[in-house]
Structure formats: C-alpha cells, structure tokens
Amino acid sequence: QVQLVESGGGLVQAGGSLRLSCAASGIIFETYVMNWYRQAPGKQRDLVAYITRSGTTNYADSVKGRFTISRDNAKKSVYLQMNSLKPEDTARYYCTADPQLGWPRHWGQGTQVTVSS
C-alpha cells in the first residue's frame, strides 16, 4: 500500500519560510517522479514543482526563485523549501508520486500552508 505523508505546513507571515516534508512508503522511491501540487479554496490543483529520478527539477513560474524541491532517496523523502512566502501561496500542498511525468497516481492527504499579509 502506497503512503505519502506530508508535514511542515502551518501559519507564517508574508516574507517568511516553511519547509514541507513528505515521507513515502510502499513504492520503490528512487524510481519515482515526485511532485508537489497545491490547491487554494475554489481553485484547481496546480503543479508547484517536480523532481525526476535523476534529480532534474522544474517549477511553476509563480514560485521560481523562491521554492526549492529536493529528494533524499535513502530516507524515501521529498522536500519543498519555501522562502519569501506570499499570501497567494496560501493553499493545501500535496505530495504526489508517479513512475512518469504527468498526472500522478499517488497522492498524500496534504498539509495546509497559510501566509498572512
């Protein structure tokens, strides 16, 4: 059974930082593309960043230069370092996994990030 468990969300003031973590089990972690998605109230789920098996990363334009995705295959974990947070970053953040790029088949329950102005 695949499990993705996110942690690290919370309430932060604009300009602050948070680090999200996601611990995976039930998959051969090093073979999976890992992604972070987010969903704000009333909006669709959008891709924030992904990291491939080889470590290639990609970011949504809205977070480039502020967010960094990384992975630790030994710990079966993926991280999202979020700096210079803005109120528009407020959303529920989901860790996801798939063997390929594209819409992921495995999703965590999400962790809430709220940025106050």
PDB file of N, CA and C in Angstrom:
ATOM      1  N   GLN A   1       0.848  -1.187   0.000  1.00  0.00           N
ATOM      2  CA  GLN A   1       0.000   0.000   0.000  1.00  0.00           C
ATOM      3  C   GLN A   1       0.888   1.242   0.000  1.00  0.00           C
ATOM      4  N   VAL A   2       0.587   2.137  -0.960  1.00  0.00           N
ATOM      5  CA  VAL A   2       1.381   3.357  -1.077  1.00  0.00           C
ATOM      6  C   VAL A   2       0.897   4.384  -0.055  1.00  0.00           C
ATOM      7  N   GLN A   3       1.838   4.970   0.647  1.00  0.00           N
ATOM      8  CA  GLN A   3       1.509   6.049   1.581  1.00  0.00           C
ATOM      9  C   GLN A   3       2.471   7.206   1.361  1.00  0.00           C
ATOM     10  N   LEU A   4       1.905   8.408   1.296  1.00  0.00           N
ATOM     11  CA  LEU A   4       2.672   9.640   1.223  1.00  0.00           C
ATOM     12  C   LEU A   4       2.180  10.519   2.365  1.00  0.00           C
ATOM     13  N   VAL A   5       3.067  10.856   3.284  1.00  0.00           N
ATOM     14  CA  VAL A   5       2.679  11.597   4.474  1.00  0.00           C
ATOM     15  C   VAL A   5       3.428  12.924   4.513  1.00  0.00           C
ATOM     16  N   GLU A   6       2.656  14.009   4.372  1.00  0.00           N
ATOM     17  CA  GLU A   6       3.238  15.348   4.375  1.00  0.00           C
ATOM     18  C   GLU A   6       3.290  15.914   5.792  1.00  0.00           C
ATOM     19  N   SER A   7       4.242  16.804   6.004  1.00  0.00           N
ATOM     20  CA  SER A   7       4.345  17.539   7.261  1.00  0.00           C
ATOM     21  C   SER A   7       5.034  18.864   6.989  1.00  0.00           C
ATOM     22  N   GLY A   8       4.934  19.770   7.963  1.00  0.00           N
ATOM     23  CA  GLY A   8       5.658  21.024   7.869  1.00  0.00           C
ATOM     24  C   GLY A   8       4.830  22.242   7.523  1.00  0.00           C
ATOM     25  N   GLY A   9       3.550  22.039   7.250  1.00  0.00           N
ATOM     26  CA  GLY A   9       2.707  23.189   6.961  1.00  0.00           C
ATOM     27  C   GLY A   9       2.429  24.005   8.216  1.00  0.00           C
ATOM     28  N   GLY A  10       1.790  25.148   8.016  1.00  0.00           N
ATOM     29  CA  GLY A  10       1.450  25.995   9.147  1.00  0.00           C
ATOM     30  C   GLY A  10       1.121  27.401   8.728  1.00  0.00           C
ATOM     31  N   LEU A  11       1.086  28.284   9.717  1.00  0.00           N
ATOM     32  CA  LEU A  11       0.786  29.699   9.504  1.00  0.00           C
ATOM     33  C   LEU A  11       2.091  30.492   9.582  1.00  0.00           C
ATOM     34  N   VAL A  12       2.306  31.338   8.584  1.00  0.00           N
ATOM     35  CA  VAL A  12       3.533  32.133   8.545  1.00  0.00           C
ATOM     36  C   VAL A  12       3.202  33.508   7.983  1.00  0.00           C
ATOM     37  N   GLN A  13       3.966  34.495   8.372  1.00  0.00           N
ATOM     38  CA  GLN A  13       3.765  35.837   7.838  1.00  0.00           C
ATOM     39  C   GLN A  13       4.403  35.956   6.453  1.00  0.00           C
ATOM     40  N   ALA A  14       3.884  36.878   5.674  1.00  0.00           N
ATOM     41  CA  ALA A  14       4.463  37.134   4.356  1.00  0.00           C
ATOM     42  C   ALA A  14       5.954  37.453   4.497  1.00  0.00           C
ATOM     43  N   GLY A  15       6.732  36.878   3.597  1.00  0.00           N
ATOM     44  CA  GLY A  15       8.171  37.031   3.653  1.00  0.00           C
ATOM     45  C   GLY A  15       8.882  35.932   4.416  1.00  0.00           C
ATOM     46  N   GLY A  16       8.124  35.126   5.112  1.00  0.00           N
ATOM     47  CA  GLY A  16       8.690  34.052   5.904  1.00  0.00           C
ATOM     48  C   GLY A  16       8.973  32.796   5.089  1.00  0.00           C
ATOM     49  N   SER A  17       9.391  31.749   5.790  1.00  0.00           N
ATOM     50  CA  SER A  17       9.775  30.493   5.146  1.00  0.00           C
ATOM     51  C   SER A  17       9.129  29.310   5.844  1.00  0.00           C
ATOM     52  N   LEU A  18       8.928  28.257   5.069  1.00  0.00           N
ATOM     53  CA  LEU A  18       8.488  26.968   5.583  1.00  0.00           C
ATOM     54  C   LEU A  18       9.178  25.879   4.791  1.00  0.00           C
ATOM     55  N   ARG A  19       9.352  24.722   5.425  1.00  0.00           N
ATOM     56  CA  ARG A  19       9.900  23.564   4.720  1.00  0.00           C
ATOM     57  C   ARG A  19       8.920  22.411   4.861  1.00  0.00           C
ATOM     58  N   LEU A  20       8.380  21.994   3.742  1.00  0.00           N
ATOM     59  CA  LEU A  20       7.484  20.846   3.729  1.00  0.00           C
ATOM     60  C   LEU A  20       8.291  19.575   3.523  1.00  0.00           C
ATOM     61  N   SER A  21       7.847  18.513   4.177  1.00  0.00           N
ATOM     62  CA  SER A  21       8.467  17.201   4.022  1.00  0.00           C
ATOM     63  C   SER A  21       7.408  16.186   3.637  1.00  0.00           C
ATOM     64  N   CYS A  22       7.838  15.159   2.932  1.00  0.00           N
ATOM     65  CA  CYS A  22       6.933  14.079   2.540  1.00  0.00           C
ATOM     66  C   CYS A  22       7.686  12.770   2.654  1.00  0.00           C
ATOM     67  N   ALA A  23       7.167  11.873   3.479  1.00  0.00           N
ATOM     68  CA  ALA A  23       7.759  10.552   3.648  1.00  0.00           C
ATOM     69  C   ALA A  23       6.936   9.533   2.868  1.00  0.00           C
ATOM     70  N   ALA A  24       7.611   8.761   2.036  1.00  0.00           N
ATOM     71  CA  ALA A  24       6.928   7.797   1.172  1.00  0.00           C
ATOM     72  C   ALA A  24       7.179   6.374   1.640  1.00  0.00           C
ATOM     73  N   SER A  25       6.188   5.536   1.442  1.00  0.00           N
ATOM     74  CA  SER A  25       6.334   4.097   1.682  1.00  0.00           C
ATOM     75  C   SER A  25       5.485   3.350   0.669  1.00  0.00           C
ATOM     76  N   GLY A  26       5.849   2.091   0.430  1.00  0.00           N
ATOM     77  CA  GLY A  26       5.078   1.274  -0.496  1.00  0.00           C
ATOM     78  C   GLY A  26       5.450   1.449  -1.951  1.00  0.00           C
ATOM     79  N   ILE A  27       6.465   2.246  -2.238  1.00  0.00           N
ATOM     80  CA  ILE A  27       6.956   2.413  -3.604  1.00  0.00           C
ATOM     81  C   ILE A  27       8.472   2.264  -3.619  1.00  0.00           C
ATOM     82  N   ILE A  28       9.003   1.952  -4.806  1.00  0.00           N
ATOM     83  CA  ILE A  28      10.459   1.968  -4.973  1.00  0.00           C
ATOM     84  C   ILE A  28      10.817   3.423  -5.224  1.00  0.00           C
ATOM     85  N   PHE A  29      11.062   4.136  -4.157  1.00  0.00           N
ATOM     86  CA  PHE A  29      11.098   5.593  -4.172  1.00  0.00           C
ATOM     87  C   PHE A  29      12.024   6.152  -5.251  1.00  0.00           C
ATOM     88  N   GLU A  30      13.204   5.578  -5.376  1.00  0.00           N
ATOM     89  CA  GLU A  30      14.199   6.168  -6.279  1.00  0.00           C
ATOM     90  C   GLU A  30      13.801   6.070  -7.748  1.00  0.00           C
ATOM     91  N   THR A  31      12.781   5.299  -8.055  1.00  0.00           N
ATOM     92  CA  THR A  31      12.334   5.156  -9.438  1.00  0.00           C
ATOM     93  C   THR A  31      11.162   6.073  -9.778  1.00  0.00           C
ATOM     94  N   TYR A  32      10.695   6.835  -8.809  1.00  0.00           N
ATOM     95  CA  TYR A  32       9.505   7.657  -8.992  1.00  0.00           C
ATOM     96  C   TYR A  32       9.836   9.130  -9.190  1.00  0.00           C
ATOM     97  N   VAL A  33       9.022   9.776 -10.016  1.00  0.00           N
ATOM     98  CA  VAL A  33       8.985  11.234 -10.095  1.00  0.00           C
ATOM     99  C   VAL A  33       8.156  11.715  -8.907  1.00  0.00           C
ATOM    100  N   MET A  34       8.700  12.674  -8.185  1.00  0.00           N
ATOM    101  CA  MET A  34       7.993  13.215  -7.030  1.00  0.00           C
ATOM    102  C   MET A  34       7.588  14.657  -7.328  1.00  0.00           C
ATOM    103  N   ASN A  35       6.378  14.983  -6.925  1.00  0.00           N
ATOM    104  CA  ASN A  35       5.822  16.296  -7.235  1.00  0.00           C
ATOM    105  C   ASN A  35       5.205  16.924  -5.988  1.00  0.00           C
ATOM    106  N   TRP A  36       5.121  18.227  -6.015  1.00  0.00           N
ATOM    107  CA  TRP A  36       4.290  18.969  -5.061  1.00  0.00           C
ATOM    108  C   TRP A  36       3.234  19.718  -5.871  1.00  0.00           C
ATOM    109  N   TYR A  37       1.975  19.515  -5.488  1.00  0.00           N
ATOM    110  CA  TYR A  37       0.855  20.256  -6.037  1.00  0.00           C
ATOM    111  C   TYR A  37       0.269  21.111  -4.915  1.00  0.00           C
ATOM    112  N   ARG A  38      -0.531  22.084  -5.300  1.00  0.00           N
ATOM    113  CA  ARG A  38      -1.260  22.863  -4.300  1.00  0.00           C
ATOM    114  C   ARG A  38      -2.635  23.224  -4.821  1.00  0.00           C
ATOM    115  N   GLN A  39      -3.532  23.417  -3.874  1.00  0.00           N
ATOM    116  CA  GLN A  39      -4.898  23.807  -4.217  1.00  0.00           C
ATOM    117  C   GLN A  39      -5.394  24.846  -3.236  1.00  0.00           C
ATOM    118  N   ALA A  40      -5.728  26.008  -3.759  1.00  0.00           N
ATOM    119  CA  ALA A  40      -6.328  27.062  -2.955  1.00  0.00           C
ATOM    120  C   ALA A  40      -7.844  26.914  -3.004  1.00  0.00           C
ATOM    121  N   PRO A  41      -8.554  27.443  -2.016  1.00  0.00           N
ATOM    122  CA  PRO A  41     -10.018  27.314  -1.993  1.00  0.00           C
ATOM    123  C   PRO A  41     -10.651  27.846  -3.278  1.00  0.00           C
ATOM    124  N   GLY A  42     -11.511  27.027  -3.876  1.00  0.00           N
ATOM    125  CA  GLY A  42     -12.213  27.434  -5.087  1.00  0.00           C
ATOM    126  C   GLY A  42     -11.395  27.369  -6.355  1.00  0.00           C
ATOM    127  N   LYS A  43     -10.178  26.846  -6.265  1.00  0.00           N
ATOM    128  CA  LYS A  43      -9.307  26.779  -7.436  1.00  0.00           C
ATOM    129  C   LYS A  43      -8.909  25.348  -7.721  1.00  0.00           C
ATOM    130  N   GLN A  44      -8.362  25.111  -8.907  1.00  0.00           N
ATOM    131  CA  GLN A  44      -7.931  23.769  -9.270  1.00  0.00           C
ATOM    132  C   GLN A  44      -6.577  23.458  -8.627  1.00  0.00           C
ATOM    133  N   ARG A  45      -6.243  22.177  -8.651  1.00  0.00           N
ATOM    134  CA  ARG A  45      -4.933  21.777  -8.161  1.00  0.00           C
ATOM    135  C   ARG A  45      -3.900  22.073  -9.233  1.00  0.00           C
ATOM    136  N   ASP A  46      -2.839  22.748  -8.828  1.00  0.00           N
ATOM    137  CA  ASP A  46      -1.784  23.138  -9.752  1.00  0.00           C
ATOM    138  C   ASP A  46      -0.448  22.537  -9.341  1.00  0.00           C
ATOM    139  N   LEU A  47       0.352  22.209 -10.334  1.00  0.00           N
ATOM    140  CA  LEU A  47       1.695  21.709 -10.078  1.00  0.00           C
ATOM    141  C   LEU A  47       2.575  22.847  -9.579  1.00  0.00           C
ATOM    142  N   VAL A  48       3.261  22.606  -8.486  1.00  0.00           N
ATOM    143  CA  VAL A  48       4.195  23.597  -7.941  1.00  0.00           C
ATOM    144  C   VAL A  48       5.610  23.289  -8.408  1.00  0.00           C
ATOM    145  N   ALA A  49       6.012  22.026  -8.262  1.00  0.00           N
ATOM    146  CA  ALA A  49       7.366  21.624  -8.632  1.00  0.00           C
ATOM    147  C   ALA A  49       7.426  20.118  -8.761  1.00  0.00           C
ATOM    148  N   TYR A  50       8.388  19.647  -9.561  1.00  0.00           N
ATOM    149  CA  TYR A  50       8.647  18.223  -9.593  1.00  0.00           C
ATOM    150  C   TYR A  50      10.151  17.972  -9.615  1.00  0.00           C
ATOM    151  N   ILE A  51      10.512  16.746  -9.230  1.00  0.00           N
ATOM    152  CA  ILE A  51      11.903  16.306  -9.291  1.00  0.00           C
ATOM    153  C   ILE A  51      11.903  14.877  -9.833  1.00  0.00           C
ATOM    154  N   THR A  52      12.697  14.650 -10.860  1.00  0.00           N
ATOM    155  CA  THR A  52      12.729  13.343 -11.501  1.00  0.00           C
ATOM    156  C   THR A  52      13.677  12.395 -10.772  1.00  0.00           C
ATOM    157  N   ARG A  53      13.742  11.162 -11.286  1.00  0.00           N
ATOM    158  CA  ARG A  53      14.632  10.162 -10.694  1.00  0.00           C
ATOM    159  C   ARG A  53      16.083  10.611 -10.738  1.00  0.00           C
ATOM    160  N   SER A  54      16.442  11.326 -11.790  1.00  0.00           N
ATOM    161  CA  SER A  54      17.829  11.768 -11.947  1.00  0.00           C
ATOM    162  C   SER A  54      18.108  13.088 -11.245  1.00  0.00           C
ATOM    163  N   GLY A  55      17.075  13.682 -10.652  1.00  0.00           N
ATOM    164  CA  GLY A  55      17.273  14.929  -9.934  1.00  0.00           C
ATOM    165  C   GLY A  55      16.962  16.187 -10.716  1.00  0.00           C
ATOM    166  N   THR A  56      16.462  16.033 -11.930  1.00  0.00           N
ATOM    167  CA  THR A  56      16.034  17.204 -12.693  1.00  0.00           C
ATOM    168  C   THR A  56      14.813  17.828 -12.036  1.00  0.00           C
ATOM    169  N   THR A  57      14.816  19.139 -11.936  1.00  0.00           N
ATOM    170  CA  THR A  57      13.713  19.837 -11.281  1.00  0.00           C
ATOM    171  C   THR A  57      13.024  20.809 -12.232  1.00  0.00           C
ATOM    172  N   ASN A  58      11.791  21.108 -11.905  1.00  0.00           N
ATOM    173  CA  ASN A  58      11.034  22.085 -12.671  1.00  0.00           C
ATOM    174  C   ASN A  58      10.050  22.766 -11.744  1.00  0.00           C
ATOM    175  N   TYR A  59       9.773  24.051 -12.007  1.00  0.00           N
ATOM    176  CA  TYR A  59       8.942  24.839 -11.103  1.00  0.00           C
ATOM    177  C   TYR A  59       7.884  25.623 -11.865  1.00  0.00           C
ATOM    178  N   ALA A  60       6.767  25.852 -11.200  1.00  0.00           N
ATOM    179  CA  ALA A  60       5.786  26.776 -11.740  1.00  0.00           C
ATOM    180  C   ALA A  60       6.404  28.171 -11.757  1.00  0.00           C
ATOM    181  N   ASP A  61       6.026  28.965 -12.734  1.00  0.00           N
ATOM    182  CA  ASP A  61       6.590  30.311 -12.846  1.00  0.00           C
ATOM    183  C   ASP A  61       6.371  31.128 -11.568  1.00  0.00           C
ATOM    184  N   SER A  62       5.250  30.906 -10.920  1.00  0.00           N
ATOM    185  CA  SER A  62       4.888  31.703  -9.747  1.00  0.00           C
ATOM    186  C   SER A  62       5.795  31.454  -8.550  1.00  0.00           C
ATOM    187  N   VAL A  63       6.553  30.363  -8.559  1.00  0.00           N
ATOM    188  CA  VAL A  63       7.395  30.038  -7.398  1.00  0.00           C
ATOM    189  C   VAL A  63       8.883  30.005  -7.726  1.00  0.00           C
ATOM    190  N   LYS A  64       9.219  30.163  -8.999  1.00  0.00           N
ATOM    191  CA  LYS A  64      10.636  30.124  -9.399  1.00  0.00           C
ATOM    192  C   LYS A  64      11.442  31.150  -8.627  1.00  0.00           C
ATOM    193  N   GLY A  65      12.592  30.705  -8.136  1.00  0.00           N
ATOM    194  CA  GLY A  65      13.465  31.597  -7.386  1.00  0.00           C
ATOM    195  C   GLY A  65      13.132  31.686  -5.909  1.00  0.00           C
ATOM    196  N   ARG A  66      11.969  31.150  -5.521  1.00  0.00           N
ATOM    197  CA  ARG A  66      11.560  31.201  -4.111  1.00  0.00           C
ATOM    198  C   ARG A  66      11.460  29.814  -3.477  1.00  0.00           C
ATOM    199  N   PHE A  67      11.040  28.831  -4.273  1.00  0.00           N
ATOM    200  CA  PHE A  67      10.857  27.472  -3.766  1.00  0.00           C
ATOM    201  C   PHE A  67      11.947  26.561  -4.324  1.00  0.00           C
ATOM    202  N   THR A  68      12.327  25.553  -3.518  1.00  0.00           N
ATOM    203  CA  THR A  68      13.304  24.561  -3.954  1.00  0.00           C
ATOM    204  C   THR A  68      12.811  23.172  -3.573  1.00  0.00           C
ATOM    205  N   ILE A  69      12.737  22.288  -4.561  1.00  0.00           N
ATOM    206  CA  ILE A  69      12.369  20.898  -4.304  1.00  0.00           C
ATOM    207  C   ILE A  69      13.642  20.061  -4.251  1.00  0.00           C
ATOM    208  N   SER A  70      13.657  19.082  -3.344  1.00  0.00           N
ATOM    209  CA  SER A  70      14.795  18.185  -3.233  1.00  0.00           C
ATOM    210  C   SER A  70      14.305  16.820  -2.779  1.00  0.00           C
ATOM    211  N   ARG A  71      15.150  15.829  -2.939  1.00  0.00           N
ATOM    212  CA  ARG A  71      14.781  14.481  -2.508  1.00  0.00           C
ATOM    213  C   ARG A  71      15.959  13.813  -1.840  1.00  0.00           C
ATOM    214  N   ASP A  72      15.646  12.881  -0.938  1.00  0.00           N
ATOM    215  CA  ASP A  72      16.648  12.051  -0.270  1.00  0.00           C
ATOM    216  C   ASP A  72      16.195  10.611  -0.448  1.00  0.00           C
ATOM    217  N   ASN A  73      16.792   9.922  -1.401  1.00  0.00           N
ATOM    218  CA  ASN A  73      16.350   8.560  -1.717  1.00  0.00           C
ATOM    219  C   ASN A  73      16.591   7.612  -0.556  1.00  0.00           C
ATOM    220  N   ALA A  74      17.640   7.825   0.208  1.00  0.00           N
ATOM    221  CA  ALA A  74      17.918   6.949   1.347  1.00  0.00           C
ATOM    222  C   ALA A  74      16.825   7.053   2.410  1.00  0.00           C
ATOM    223  N   LYS A  75      16.251   8.241   2.539  1.00  0.00           N
ATOM    224  CA  LYS A  75      15.181   8.449   3.517  1.00  0.00           C
ATOM    225  C   LYS A  75      13.796   8.332   2.896  1.00  0.00           C
ATOM    226  N   LYS A  76      13.753   8.068   1.588  1.00  0.00           N
ATOM    227  CA  LYS A  76      12.475   7.978   0.876  1.00  0.00           C
ATOM    228  C   LYS A  76      11.622   9.219   1.145  1.00  0.00           C
ATOM    229  N   SER A  77      12.250  10.350   1.000  1.00  0.00           N
ATOM    230  CA  SER A  77      11.578  11.601   1.326  1.00  0.00           C
ATOM    231  C   SER A  77      11.826  12.660   0.261  1.00  0.00           C
ATOM    232  N   VAL A  78      10.845  13.535   0.127  1.00  0.00           N
ATOM    233  CA  VAL A  78      10.971  14.695  -0.760  1.00  0.00           C
ATOM    234  C   VAL A  78      10.618  15.932   0.058  1.00  0.00           C
ATOM    235  N   TYR A  79      11.240  17.049  -0.297  1.00  0.00           N
ATOM    236  CA  TYR A  79      11.094  18.271   0.487  1.00  0.00           C
ATOM    237  C   TYR A  79      10.740  19.437  -0.430  1.00  0.00           C
ATOM    238  N   LEU A  80      10.114  20.439   0.162  1.00  0.00           N
ATOM    239  CA  LEU A  80       9.862  21.684  -0.556  1.00  0.00           C
ATOM    240  C   LEU A  80      10.225  22.834   0.382  1.00  0.00           C
ATOM    241  N   GLN A  81      11.337  23.474   0.090  1.00  0.00           N
ATOM    242  CA  GLN A  81      11.747  24.651   0.847  1.00  0.00           C
ATOM    243  C   GLN A  81      11.080  25.861   0.219  1.00  0.00           C
ATOM    244  N   MET A  82      10.317  26.592   1.008  1.00  0.00           N
ATOM    245  CA  MET A  82       9.554  27.727   0.510  1.00  0.00           C
ATOM    246  C   MET A  82      10.029  28.990   1.221  1.00  0.00           C
ATOM    247  N   ASN A  83      10.599  29.892   0.472  1.00  0.00           N
ATOM    248  CA  ASN A  83      11.098  31.168   1.005  1.00  0.00           C
ATOM    249  C   ASN A  83      10.307  32.323   0.416  1.00  0.00           C
ATOM    250  N   SER A  84      10.441  33.466   1.046  1.00  0.00           N
ATOM    251  CA  SER A  84       9.762  34.686   0.575  1.00  0.00           C
ATOM    252  C   SER A  84       8.289  34.421   0.289  1.00  0.00           C
ATOM    253  N   LEU A  85       7.632  33.786   1.224  1.00  0.00           N
ATOM    254  CA  LEU A  85       6.236  33.391   1.021  1.00  0.00           C
ATOM    255  C   LEU A  85       5.335  34.608   0.875  1.00  0.00           C
ATOM    256  N   LYS A  86       4.307  34.424   0.038  1.00  0.00           N
ATOM    257  CA  LYS A  86       3.337  35.475  -0.248  1.00  0.00           C
ATOM    258  C   LYS A  86       1.943  34.988   0.133  1.00  0.00           C
ATOM    259  N   PRO A  87       1.019  35.902   0.410  1.00  0.00           N
ATOM    260  CA  PRO A  87      -0.354  35.467   0.719  1.00  0.00           C
ATOM    261  C   PRO A  87      -0.955  34.584  -0.370  1.00  0.00           C
ATOM    262  N   GLU A  88      -0.574  34.814  -1.617  1.00  0.00           N
ATOM    263  CA  GLU A  88      -1.126  33.987  -2.707  1.00  0.00           C
ATOM    264  C   GLU A  88      -0.561  32.573  -2.720  1.00  0.00           C
ATOM    265  N   ASP A  89       0.422  32.279  -1.874  1.00  0.00           N
ATOM    266  CA  ASP A  89       0.905  30.904  -1.735  1.00  0.00           C
ATOM    267  C   ASP A  89       0.021  30.087  -0.791  1.00  0.00           C
ATOM    268  N   THR A  90      -0.939  30.741  -0.150  1.00  0.00           N
ATOM    269  CA  THR A  90      -1.848  30.045   0.756  1.00  0.00           C
ATOM    270  C   THR A  90      -2.620  28.984  -0.005  1.00  0.00           C
ATOM    271  N   ALA A  91      -2.514  27.736   0.471  1.00  0.00           N
ATOM    272  CA  ALA A  91      -3.153  26.602  -0.207  1.00  0.00           C
ATOM    273  C   ALA A  91      -2.897  25.335   0.598  1.00  0.00           C
ATOM    274  N   ARG A  92      -3.550  24.283   0.192  1.00  0.00           N
ATOM    275  CA  ARG A  92      -3.219  22.963   0.721  1.00  0.00           C
ATOM    276  C   ARG A  92      -2.202  22.358  -0.242  1.00  0.00           C
ATOM    277  N   TYR A  93      -1.092  21.887   0.292  1.00  0.00           N
ATOM    278  CA  TYR A  93       0.004  21.362  -0.509  1.00  0.00           C
ATOM    279  C   TYR A  93       0.007  19.832  -0.431  1.00  0.00           C
ATOM    280  N   TYR A  94       0.086  19.224  -1.607  1.00  0.00           N
ATOM    281  CA  TYR A  94       0.029  17.773  -1.726  1.00  0.00           C
ATOM    282  C   TYR A  94       1.329  17.217  -2.293  1.00  0.00           C
ATOM    283  N   CYS A  95       1.817  16.176  -1.645  1.00  0.00           N
ATOM    284  CA  CYS A  95       2.937  15.401  -2.166  1.00  0.00           C
ATOM    285  C   CYS A  95       2.368  14.308  -3.065  1.00  0.00           C
ATOM    286  N   THR A  96       2.964  14.129  -4.229  1.00  0.00           N
ATOM    287  CA  THR A  96       2.457  13.116  -5.153  1.00  0.00           C
ATOM    288  C   THR A  96       3.617  12.348  -5.765  1.00  0.00           C
ATOM    289  N   ALA A  97       3.292  11.157  -6.283  1.00  0.00           N
ATOM    290  CA  ALA A  97       4.313  10.288  -6.850  1.00  0.00           C
ATOM    291  C   ALA A  97       3.772   9.539  -8.051  1.00  0.00           C
ATOM    292  N   ASP A  98       4.632   9.353  -9.039  1.00  0.00           N
ATOM    293  CA  ASP A  98       4.274   8.563 -10.210  1.00  0.00           C
ATOM    294  C   ASP A  98       5.559   8.085 -10.875  1.00  0.00           C
ATOM    295  N   PRO A  99       5.519   6.936 -11.538  1.00  0.00           N
ATOM    296  CA  PRO A  99       6.729   6.500 -12.251  1.00  0.00           C
ATOM    297  C   PRO A  99       7.088   7.409 -13.423  1.00  0.00           C
ATOM    298  N   GLN A 100       6.088   8.166 -13.926  1.00  0.00           N
ATOM    299  CA  GLN A 100       6.298   9.026 -15.084  1.00  0.00           C
ATOM    300  C   GLN A 100       5.898  10.452 -14.763  1.00  0.00           C
ATOM    301  N   LEU A 101       6.347  11.377 -15.609  1.00  0.00           N
ATOM    302  CA  LEU A 101       5.834  12.734 -15.554  1.00  0.00           C
ATOM    303  C   LEU A 101       4.378  12.729 -15.996  1.00  0.00           C
ATOM    304  N   GLY A 102       3.620  13.672 -15.497  1.00  0.00           N
ATOM    305  CA  GLY A 102       2.212  13.736 -15.840  1.00  0.00           C
ATOM    306  C   GLY A 102       1.364  13.666 -14.580  1.00  0.00           C
ATOM    307  N   TRP A 103       0.061  13.507 -14.792  1.00  0.00           N
ATOM    308  CA  TRP A 103      -0.841  13.497 -13.632  1.00  0.00           C
ATOM    309  C   TRP A 103      -0.506  12.299 -12.742  1.00  0.00           C
ATOM    310  N   PRO A 104      -0.178  12.556 -11.473  1.00  0.00           N
ATOM    311  CA  PRO A 104       0.301  11.466 -10.607  1.00  0.00           C
ATOM    312  C   PRO A 104      -0.807  10.520 -10.161  1.00  0.00           C
ATOM    313  N   ARG A 105      -0.440   9.272  -9.944  1.00  0.00           N
ATOM    314  CA  ARG A 105      -1.416   8.294  -9.499  1.00  0.00           C
ATOM    315  C   ARG A 105      -1.512   8.216  -7.981  1.00  0.00           C
ATOM    316  N   HIS A 106      -0.475   8.664  -7.269  1.00  0.00           N
ATOM    317  CA  HIS A 106      -0.472   8.553  -5.807  1.00  0.00           C
ATOM    318  C   HIS A 106      -0.414   9.944  -5.181  1.00  0.00           C
ATOM    319  N   TRP A 107      -1.306  10.169  -4.213  1.00  0.00           N
ATOM    320  CA  TRP A 107      -1.422  11.473  -3.551  1.00  0.00           C
ATOM    321  C   TRP A 107      -1.409  11.304  -2.037  1.00  0.00           C
ATOM    322  N   GLY A 108      -0.780  12.251  -1.360  1.00  0.00           N
ATOM    323  CA  GLY A 108      -0.890  12.323   0.076  1.00  0.00           C
ATOM    324  C   GLY A 108      -2.157  13.059   0.479  1.00  0.00           C
ATOM    325  N   GLN A 109      -2.362  13.206   1.778  1.00  0.00           N
ATOM    326  CA  GLN A 109      -3.553  13.891   2.290  1.00  0.00           C
ATOM    327  C   GLN A 109      -3.411  15.409   2.260  1.00  0.00           C
ATOM    328  N   GLY A 110      -2.202  15.878   2.145  1.00  0.00           N
ATOM    329  CA  GLY A 110      -1.977  17.313   2.056  1.00  0.00           C
ATOM    330  C   GLY A 110      -1.646  17.938   3.398  1.00  0.00           C
ATOM    331  N   THR A 111      -1.011  19.104   3.319  1.00  0.00           N
ATOM    332  CA  THR A 111      -0.712  19.894   4.506  1.00  0.00           C
ATOM    333  C   THR A 111      -1.034  21.353   4.189  1.00  0.00           C
ATOM    334  N   GLN A 112      -1.658  22.027   5.139  1.00  0.00           N
ATOM    335  CA  GLN A 112      -2.134  23.384   4.894  1.00  0.00           C
ATOM    336  C   GLN A 112      -1.019  24.399   5.134  1.00  0.00           C
ATOM    337  N   VAL A 113      -0.880  25.309   4.195  1.00  0.00           N
ATOM    338  CA  VAL A 113       0.037  26.445   4.327  1.00  0.00           C
ATOM    339  C   VAL A 113      -0.790  27.717   4.240  1.00  0.00           C
ATOM    340  N   THR A 114      -0.674  28.546   5.253  1.00  0.00           N
ATOM    341  CA  THR A 114      -1.393  29.821   5.279  1.00  0.00           C
ATOM    342  C   THR A 114      -0.388  30.946   5.487  1.00  0.00           C
ATOM    343  N   VAL A 115      -0.409  31.907   4.569  1.00  0.00           N
ATOM    344  CA  VAL A 115       0.506  33.037   4.629  1.00  0.00           C
ATOM    345  C   VAL A 115      -0.306  34.299   4.895  1.00  0.00           C
ATOM    346  N   SER A 116      -0.031  34.930   6.010  1.00  0.00           N
ATOM    347  CA  SER A 116      -0.772  36.144   6.363  1.00  0.00           C
ATOM    348  C   SER A 116      -0.033  37.377   5.855  1.00  0.00           C
ATOM    349  N   SER A 117      -0.806  38.399   5.532  1.00  0.00           N
ATOM    350  CA  SER A 117      -0.206  39.635   4.995  1.00  0.00           C
ATOM    351  C   SER A 117       0.120  40.626   6.103  1.00  0.00           C
TER     352      SER A 117
END
